Amino acid sequence: MPALNVEFSDRELEDLRQIAKERGTSMKALVREAAAADIARHRALQEGAEAFRRFFSAHAEEFAAAFPEDERPGRSQGRAA
């Protein structure tokens, strides 16, 4: 399995040791769990942003009609002929 060396300050390392001890886990497991949680959060945010873009694109004309003051100047209303 690939590995990654990560440097921590003395304070960060001590904090990690303390947290791992409190949770009854190893520092390695603690760091892996934190990284996995961040990866999952990042993917969820990307998926959410993509779902919003699709929704907004599908309803762009409705948003433009409901919030005309938010439309950029010079942007044509509706579709081009």
PDB file of N, CA and C in Angstrom:
ATOM      1  N   MET A   1       0.856  -1.184   0.000  1.00  0.00           N
ATOM      2  CA  MET A   1       0.000   0.000   0.000  1.00  0.00           C
ATOM      3  C   MET A   1       0.893   1.235   0.000  1.00  0.00           C
ATOM      4  N   PRO A   2       0.560   2.225  -0.825  1.00  0.00           N
ATOM      5  CA  PRO A   2       1.346   3.457  -0.837  1.00  0.00           C
ATOM      6  C   PRO A   2       1.302   4.147   0.523  1.00  0.00           C
ATOM      7  N   ALA A   3       2.344   4.888   0.814  1.00  0.00           N
ATOM      8  CA  ALA A   3       2.432   5.592   2.094  1.00  0.00           C
ATOM      9  C   ALA A   3       2.761   7.057   1.839  1.00  0.00           C
ATOM     10  N   LEU A   4       2.543   7.861   2.853  1.00  0.00           N
ATOM     11  CA  LEU A   4       2.794   9.291   2.779  1.00  0.00           C
ATOM     12  C   LEU A   4       3.410   9.737   4.091  1.00  0.00           C
ATOM     13  N   ASN A   5       4.530  10.405   4.010  1.00  0.00           N
ATOM     14  CA  ASN A   5       5.142  10.976   5.207  1.00  0.00           C
ATOM     15  C   ASN A   5       4.614  12.394   5.378  1.00  0.00           C
ATOM     16  N   VAL A   6       4.141  12.683   6.561  1.00  0.00           N
ATOM     17  CA  VAL A   6       3.572  13.998   6.849  1.00  0.00           C
ATOM     18  C   VAL A   6       4.311  14.583   8.038  1.00  0.00           C
ATOM     19  N   GLU A   7       4.713  15.834   7.905  1.00  0.00           N
ATOM     20  CA  GLU A   7       5.408  16.508   8.998  1.00  0.00           C
ATOM     21  C   GLU A   7       4.417  17.326   9.814  1.00  0.00           C
ATOM     22  N   PHE A   8       4.593  17.272  11.130  1.00  0.00           N
ATOM     23  CA  PHE A   8       3.770  18.036  12.057  1.00  0.00           C
ATOM     24  C   PHE A   8       4.684  18.821  12.980  1.00  0.00           C
ATOM     25  N   SER A   9       4.157  19.927  13.465  1.00  0.00           N
ATOM     26  CA  SER A   9       4.902  20.663  14.493  1.00  0.00           C
ATOM     27  C   SER A   9       4.864  19.844  15.779  1.00  0.00           C
ATOM     28  N   ASP A  10       5.729  20.193  16.720  1.00  0.00           N
ATOM     29  CA  ASP A  10       5.733  19.490  18.007  1.00  0.00           C
ATOM     30  C   ASP A  10       4.359  19.579  18.676  1.00  0.00           C
ATOM     31  N   ARG A  11       3.761  20.751  18.606  1.00  0.00           N
ATOM     32  CA  ARG A  11       2.440  20.963  19.227  1.00  0.00           C
ATOM     33  C   ARG A  11       1.377  20.104  18.550  1.00  0.00           C
ATOM     34  N   GLU A  12       1.375  20.089  17.219  1.00  0.00           N
ATOM     35  CA  GLU A  12       0.401  19.278  16.484  1.00  0.00           C
ATOM     36  C   GLU A  12       0.574  17.795  16.800  1.00  0.00           C
ATOM     37  N   LEU A  13       1.798  17.345  16.851  1.00  0.00           N
ATOM     38  CA  LEU A  13       2.072  15.946  17.143  1.00  0.00           C
ATOM     39  C   LEU A  13       1.603  15.577  18.551  1.00  0.00           C
ATOM     40  N   GLU A  14       1.849  16.446  19.496  1.00  0.00           N
ATOM     41  CA  GLU A  14       1.387  16.197  20.865  1.00  0.00           C
ATOM     42  C   GLU A  14      -0.137  16.172  20.920  1.00  0.00           C
ATOM     43  N   ASP A  15      -0.779  17.096  20.220  1.00  0.00           N
ATOM     44  CA  ASP A  15      -2.247  17.107  20.167  1.00  0.00           C
ATOM     45  C   ASP A  15      -2.781  15.817  19.551  1.00  0.00           C
ATOM     46  N   LEU A  16      -2.150  15.369  18.469  1.00  0.00           N
ATOM     47  CA  LEU A  16      -2.568  14.112  17.836  1.00  0.00           C
ATOM     48  C   LEU A  16      -2.418  12.934  18.794  1.00  0.00           C
ATOM     49  N   ARG A  17      -1.314  12.887  19.496  1.00  0.00           N
ATOM     50  CA  ARG A  17      -1.107  11.816  20.480  1.00  0.00           C
ATOM     51  C   ARG A  17      -2.212  11.824  21.532  1.00  0.00           C
ATOM     52  N   GLN A  18      -2.511  13.003  22.041  1.00  0.00           N
ATOM     53  CA  GLN A  18      -3.530  13.124  23.084  1.00  0.00           C
ATOM     54  C   GLN A  18      -4.905  12.707  22.562  1.00  0.00           C
ATOM     55  N   ILE A  19      -5.263  13.159  21.381  1.00  0.00           N
ATOM     56  CA  ILE A  19      -6.570  12.808  20.813  1.00  0.00           C
ATOM     57  C   ILE A  19      -6.655  11.305  20.562  1.00  0.00           C
ATOM     58  N   ALA A  20      -5.597  10.731  19.988  1.00  0.00           N
ATOM     59  CA  ALA A  20      -5.582   9.287  19.738  1.00  0.00           C
ATOM     60  C   ALA A  20      -5.730   8.517  21.046  1.00  0.00           C
ATOM     61  N   LYS A  21      -5.039   8.968  22.070  1.00  0.00           N
ATOM     62  CA  LYS A  21      -5.130   8.308  23.374  1.00  0.00           C
ATOM     63  C   LYS A  21      -6.549   8.393  23.919  1.00  0.00           C
ATOM     64  N   GLU A  22      -7.163   9.576  23.846  1.00  0.00           N
ATOM     65  CA  GLU A  22      -8.528   9.764  24.333  1.00  0.00           C
ATOM     66  C   GLU A  22      -9.527   8.882  23.595  1.00  0.00           C
ATOM     67  N   ARG A  23      -9.290   8.686  22.310  1.00  0.00           N
ATOM     68  CA  ARG A  23     -10.197   7.868  21.496  1.00  0.00           C
ATOM     69  C   ARG A  23      -9.853   6.383  21.522  1.00  0.00           C
ATOM     70  N   GLY A  24      -8.747   6.055  22.125  1.00  0.00           N
ATOM     71  CA  GLY A  24      -8.343   4.669  22.191  1.00  0.00           C
ATOM     72  C   GLY A  24      -7.955   4.102  20.838  1.00  0.00           C
ATOM     73  N   THR A  25      -7.289   4.900  20.048  1.00  0.00           N
ATOM     74  CA  THR A  25      -6.881   4.480  18.707  1.00  0.00           C
ATOM     75  C   THR A  25      -5.431   4.871  18.480  1.00  0.00           C
ATOM     76  N   SER A  26      -4.889   4.442  17.374  1.00  0.00           N
ATOM     77  CA  SER A  26      -3.506   4.810  17.045  1.00  0.00           C
ATOM     78  C   SER A  26      -3.488   6.153  16.322  1.00  0.00           C
ATOM     79  N   MET A  27      -2.343   6.785  16.331  1.00  0.00           N
ATOM     80  CA  MET A  27      -2.200   8.053  15.605  1.00  0.00           C
ATOM     81  C   MET A  27      -2.397   7.818  14.114  1.00  0.00           C
ATOM     82  N   LYS A  28      -1.881   6.707  13.617  1.00  0.00           N
ATOM     83  CA  LYS A  28      -2.033   6.378  12.202  1.00  0.00           C
ATOM     84  C   LYS A  28      -3.511   6.267  11.828  1.00  0.00           C
ATOM     85  N   ALA A  29      -4.281   5.548  12.648  1.00  0.00           N
ATOM     86  CA  ALA A  29      -5.712   5.403  12.381  1.00  0.00           C
ATOM     87  C   ALA A  29      -6.425   6.747  12.475  1.00  0.00           C
ATOM     88  N   LEU A  30      -6.040   7.564  13.447  1.00  0.00           N
ATOM     89  CA  LEU A  30      -6.648   8.883  13.616  1.00  0.00           C
ATOM     90  C   LEU A  30      -6.438   9.753  12.377  1.00  0.00           C
ATOM     91  N   VAL A  31      -5.204   9.790  11.880  1.00  0.00           N
ATOM     92  CA  VAL A  31      -4.889  10.614  10.705  1.00  0.00           C
ATOM     93  C   VAL A  31      -5.583  10.060   9.462  1.00  0.00           C
ATOM     94  N   ARG A  32      -5.606   8.729   9.310  1.00  0.00           N
ATOM     95  CA  ARG A  32      -6.297   8.138   8.162  1.00  0.00           C
ATOM     96  C   ARG A  32      -7.783   8.454   8.197  1.00  0.00           C
ATOM     97  N   GLU A  33      -8.411   8.356   9.371  1.00  0.00           N
ATOM     98  CA  GLU A  33      -9.838   8.674   9.500  1.00  0.00           C
ATOM     99  C   GLU A  33     -10.115  10.131   9.155  1.00  0.00           C
ATOM    100  N   ALA A  34      -9.233  11.019   9.616  1.00  0.00           N
ATOM    101  CA  ALA A  34      -9.406  12.451   9.326  1.00  0.00           C
ATOM    102  C   ALA A  34      -9.285  12.707   7.824  1.00  0.00           C
ATOM    103  N   ALA A  35      -8.305  12.069   7.185  1.00  0.00           N
ATOM    104  CA  ALA A  35      -8.127  12.246   5.746  1.00  0.00           C
ATOM    105  C   ALA A  35      -9.315  11.671   4.982  1.00  0.00           C
ATOM    106  N   ALA A  36      -9.773  10.491   5.385  1.00  0.00           N
ATOM    107  CA  ALA A  36     -10.919   9.871   4.719  1.00  0.00           C
ATOM    108  C   ALA A  36     -12.173  10.734   4.864  1.00  0.00           C
ATOM    109  N   ALA A  37     -12.372  11.309   6.031  1.00  0.00           N
ATOM    110  CA  ALA A  37     -13.532  12.183   6.259  1.00  0.00           C
ATOM    111  C   ALA A  37     -13.443  13.428   5.394  1.00  0.00           C
ATOM    112  N   ASP A  38     -12.253  13.983   5.240  1.00  0.00           N
ATOM    113  CA  ASP A  38     -12.085  15.167   4.417  1.00  0.00           C
ATOM    114  C   ASP A  38     -12.314  14.837   2.939  1.00  0.00           C
ATOM    115  N   ILE A  39     -11.839  13.682   2.503  1.00  0.00           N
ATOM    116  CA  ILE A  39     -12.072  13.254   1.124  1.00  0.00           C
ATOM    117  C   ILE A  39     -13.567  13.096   0.869  1.00  0.00           C
ATOM    118  N   ALA A  40     -14.276  12.453   1.783  1.00  0.00           N
ATOM    119  CA  ALA A  40     -15.720  12.263   1.633  1.00  0.00           C
ATOM    120  C   ALA A  40     -16.448  13.602   1.606  1.00  0.00           C
ATOM    121  N   ARG A  41     -16.055  14.527   2.475  1.00  0.00           N
ATOM    122  CA  ARG A  41     -16.666  15.861   2.510  1.00  0.00           C
ATOM    123  C   ARG A  41     -16.410  16.603   1.200  1.00  0.00           C
ATOM    124  N   HIS A  42     -15.191  16.501   0.691  1.00  0.00           N
ATOM    125  CA  HIS A  42     -14.838  17.160  -0.569  1.00  0.00           C
ATOM    126  C   HIS A  42     -15.673  16.605  -1.721  1.00  0.00           C
ATOM    127  N   ARG A  43     -15.794  15.286  -1.798  1.00  0.00           N
ATOM    128  CA  ARG A  43     -16.609  14.672  -2.855  1.00  0.00           C
ATOM    129  C   ARG A  43     -18.065  15.094  -2.746  1.00  0.00           C
ATOM    130  N   ALA A  44     -18.593  15.123  -1.530  1.00  0.00           N
ATOM    131  CA  ALA A  44     -19.986  15.522  -1.329  1.00  0.00           C
ATOM    132  C   ALA A  44     -20.207  16.966  -1.758  1.00  0.00           C
ATOM    133  N   LEU A  45     -19.264  17.837  -1.445  1.00  0.00           N
ATOM    134  CA  LEU A  45     -19.378  19.234  -1.865  1.00  0.00           C
ATOM    135  C   LEU A  45     -19.324  19.356  -3.382  1.00  0.00           C
ATOM    136  N   GLN A  46     -18.443  18.596  -4.020  1.00  0.00           N
ATOM    137  CA  GLN A  46     -18.372  18.619  -5.483  1.00  0.00           C
ATOM    138  C   GLN A  46     -19.678  18.136  -6.096  1.00  0.00           C
ATOM    139  N   GLU A  47     -20.211  17.033  -5.569  1.00  0.00           N
ATOM    140  CA  GLU A  47     -21.470  16.498  -6.086  1.00  0.00           C
ATOM    141  C   GLU A  47     -22.617  17.480  -5.859  1.00  0.00           C
ATOM    142  N   GLY A  48     -22.648  18.101  -4.704  1.00  0.00           N
ATOM    143  CA  GLY A  48     -23.684  19.095  -4.417  1.00  0.00           C
ATOM    144  C   GLY A  48     -23.589  20.294  -5.337  1.00  0.00           C
ATOM    145  N   ALA A  49     -22.375  20.756  -5.584  1.00  0.00           N
ATOM    146  CA  ALA A  49     -22.184  21.896  -6.477  1.00  0.00           C
ATOM    147  C   ALA A  49     -22.621  21.543  -7.895  1.00  0.00           C
ATOM    148  N   GLU A  50     -22.304  20.333  -8.333  1.00  0.00           N
ATOM    149  CA  GLU A  50     -22.710  19.901  -9.678  1.00  0.00           C
ATOM    150  C   GLU A  50     -24.225  19.780  -9.777  1.00  0.00           C
ATOM    151  N   ALA A  51     -24.862  19.254  -8.744  1.00  0.00           N
ATOM    152  CA  ALA A  51     -26.323  19.153  -8.738  1.00  0.00           C
ATOM    153  C   ALA A  51     -26.946  20.548  -8.779  1.00  0.00           C
ATOM    154  N   PHE A  52     -26.374  21.487  -8.042  1.00  0.00           N
ATOM    155  CA  PHE A  52     -26.880  22.867  -8.070  1.00  0.00           C
ATOM    156  C   PHE A  52     -26.719  23.473  -9.453  1.00  0.00           C
ATOM    157  N   ARG A  53     -25.538  23.269 -10.077  1.00  0.00           N
ATOM    158  CA  ARG A  53     -25.327  23.821 -11.428  1.00  0.00           C
ATOM    159  C   ARG A  53     -26.345  23.261 -12.409  1.00  0.00           C
ATOM    160  N   ARG A  54     -26.599  21.952 -12.341  1.00  0.00           N
ATOM    161  CA  ARG A  54     -27.588  21.350 -13.244  1.00  0.00           C
ATOM    162  C   ARG A  54     -28.977  21.929 -12.991  1.00  0.00           C
ATOM    163  N   PHE A  55     -29.347  22.050 -11.716  1.00  0.00           N
ATOM    164  CA  PHE A  55     -30.658  22.587 -11.366  1.00  0.00           C
ATOM    165  C   PHE A  55     -30.780  24.034 -11.833  1.00  0.00           C
ATOM    166  N   PHE A  56     -29.752  24.838 -11.546  1.00  0.00           N
ATOM    167  CA  PHE A  56     -29.802  26.242 -11.917  1.00  0.00           C
ATOM    168  C   PHE A  56     -29.874  26.399 -13.430  1.00  0.00           C
ATOM    169  N   SER A  57     -29.093  25.614 -14.166  1.00  0.00           N
ATOM    170  CA  SER A  57     -29.119  25.683 -15.632  1.00  0.00           C
ATOM    171  C   SER A  57     -30.487  25.309 -16.170  1.00  0.00           C
ATOM    172  N   ALA A  58     -31.093  24.284 -15.590  1.00  0.00           N
ATOM    173  CA  ALA A  58     -32.404  23.834 -16.049  1.00  0.00           C
ATOM    174  C   ALA A  58     -33.494  24.867 -15.756  1.00  0.00           C
ATOM    175  N   HIS A  59     -33.265  25.727 -14.766  1.00  0.00           N
ATOM    176  CA  HIS A  59     -34.279  26.706 -14.354  1.00  0.00           C
ATOM    177  C   HIS A  59     -33.783  28.148 -14.498  1.00  0.00           C
ATOM    178  N   ALA A  60     -32.803  28.366 -15.347  1.00  0.00           N
ATOM    179  CA  ALA A  60     -32.200  29.697 -15.485  1.00  0.00           C
ATOM    180  C   ALA A  60     -33.215  30.760 -15.872  1.00  0.00           C
ATOM    181  N   GLU A  61     -34.096  30.453 -16.793  1.00  0.00           N
ATOM    182  CA  GLU A  61     -35.084  31.447 -17.214  1.00  0.00           C
ATOM    183  C   GLU A  61     -36.049  31.792 -16.082  1.00  0.00           C
ATOM    184  N   GLU A  62     -36.406  30.799 -15.283  1.00  0.00           N
ATOM    185  CA  GLU A  62     -37.286  31.052 -14.144  1.00  0.00           C
ATOM    186  C   GLU A  62     -36.598  31.950 -13.110  1.00  0.00           C
ATOM    187  N   PHE A  63     -35.303  31.683 -12.853  1.00  0.00           N
ATOM    188  CA  PHE A  63     -34.556  32.529 -11.926  1.00  0.00           C
ATOM    189  C   PHE A  63     -34.444  33.952 -12.472  1.00  0.00           C
ATOM    190  N   ALA A  64     -34.190  34.077 -13.763  1.00  0.00           N
ATOM    191  CA  ALA A  64     -34.055  35.405 -14.376  1.00  0.00           C
ATOM    192  C   ALA A  64     -35.361  36.188 -14.259  1.00  0.00           C
ATOM    193  N   ALA A  65     -36.475  35.508 -14.467  1.00  0.00           N
ATOM    194  CA  ALA A  65     -37.775  36.184 -14.369  1.00  0.00           C
ATOM    195  C   ALA A  65     -38.096  36.557 -12.915  1.00  0.00           C
ATOM    196  N   ALA A  66     -37.740  35.700 -11.994  1.00  0.00           N
ATOM    197  CA  ALA A  66     -38.059  35.949 -10.582  1.00  0.00           C
ATOM    198  C   ALA A  66     -37.139  36.984  -9.944  1.00  0.00           C
ATOM    199  N   PHE A  67     -35.901  37.077 -10.439  1.00  0.00           N
ATOM    200  CA  PHE A  67     -34.918  37.986  -9.848  1.00  0.00           C
ATOM    201  C   PHE A  67     -34.237  38.823 -10.935  1.00  0.00           C
ATOM    202  N   PRO A  68     -34.996  39.654 -11.637  1.00  0.00           N
ATOM    203  CA  PRO A  68     -34.408  40.415 -12.754  1.00  0.00           C
ATOM    204  C   PRO A  68     -33.302  41.364 -12.307  1.00  0.00           C
ATOM    205  N   GLU A  69     -33.363  41.847 -11.072  1.00  0.00           N
ATOM    206  CA  GLU A  69     -32.332  42.773 -10.591  1.00  0.00           C
ATOM    207  C   GLU A  69     -30.978  42.087 -10.441  1.00  0.00           C
ATOM    208  N   ASP A  70     -30.969  40.762 -10.423  1.00  0.00           N
ATOM    209  CA  ASP A  70     -29.713  40.025 -10.294  1.00  0.00           C
ATOM    210  C   ASP A  70     -29.097  39.644 -11.637  1.00  0.00           C
ATOM    211  N   GLU A  71     -29.785  39.943 -12.719  1.00  0.00           N
ATOM    212  CA  GLU A  71     -29.270  39.611 -14.047  1.00  0.00           C
ATOM    213  C   GLU A  71     -28.134  40.562 -14.422  1.00  0.00           C
ATOM    214  N   ARG A  72     -27.139  40.027 -15.096  1.00  0.00           N
ATOM    215  CA  ARG A  72     -26.018  40.853 -15.550  1.00  0.00           C
ATOM    216  C   ARG A  72     -26.469  41.782 -16.673  1.00  0.00           C
ATOM    217  N   PRO A  73     -26.010  43.037 -16.651  1.00  0.00           N
ATOM    218  CA  PRO A  73     -26.370  43.964 -17.731  1.00  0.00           C
ATOM    219  C   PRO A  73     -25.870  43.433 -19.071  1.00  0.00           C
ATOM    220  N   GLY A  74     -26.717  43.600 -20.104  1.00  0.00           N
ATOM    221  CA  GLY A  74     -26.319  43.181 -21.434  1.00  0.00           C
ATOM    222  C   GLY A  74     -26.613  41.729 -21.727  1.00  0.00           C
ATOM    223  N   ARG A  75     -27.002  40.987 -20.728  1.00  0.00           N
ATOM    224  CA  ARG A  75     -27.324  39.582 -20.945  1.00  0.00           C
ATOM    225  C   ARG A  75     -28.724  39.518 -21.541  1.00  0.00           C
ATOM    226  N   SER A  76     -28.847  38.825 -22.657  1.00  0.00           N
ATOM    227  CA  SER A  76     -30.148  38.763 -23.333  1.00  0.00           C
ATOM    228  C   SER A  76     -31.083  37.900 -22.533  1.00  0.00           C
ATOM    229  N   GLN A  77     -32.338  38.327 -22.493  1.00  0.00           N
ATOM    230  CA  GLN A  77     -33.361  37.552 -21.807  1.00  0.00           C
ATOM    231  C   GLN A  77     -33.850  36.452 -22.737  1.00  0.00           C
ATOM    232  N   GLY A  78     -33.999  35.275 -22.217  1.00  0.00           N
ATOM    233  CA  GLY A  78     -34.462  34.158 -23.036  1.00  0.00           C
ATOM    234  C   GLY A  78     -33.359  33.635 -23.917  1.00  0.00           C
ATOM    235  N   ARG A  79     -33.735  32.832 -24.899  1.00  0.00           N
ATOM    236  CA  ARG A  79     -32.758  32.215 -25.792  1.00  0.00           C
ATOM    237  C   ARG A  79     -32.601  33.049 -27.064  1.00  0.00           C
ATOM    238  N   ALA A  80     -31.414  32.972 -27.641  1.00  0.00           N
ATOM    239  CA  ALA A  80     -31.143  33.696 -28.890  1.00  0.00           C
ATOM    240  C   ALA A  80     -31.895  33.042 -30.026  1.00  0.00           C
ATOM    241  N   ALA A  81     -32.299  33.849 -31.002  1.00  0.00           N
ATOM    242  CA  ALA A  81     -33.062  33.335 -32.137  1.00  0.00           C
ATOM    243  C   ALA A  81     -32.183  32.627 -33.124  1.00  0.00           C
TER     244      ALA A  81
END
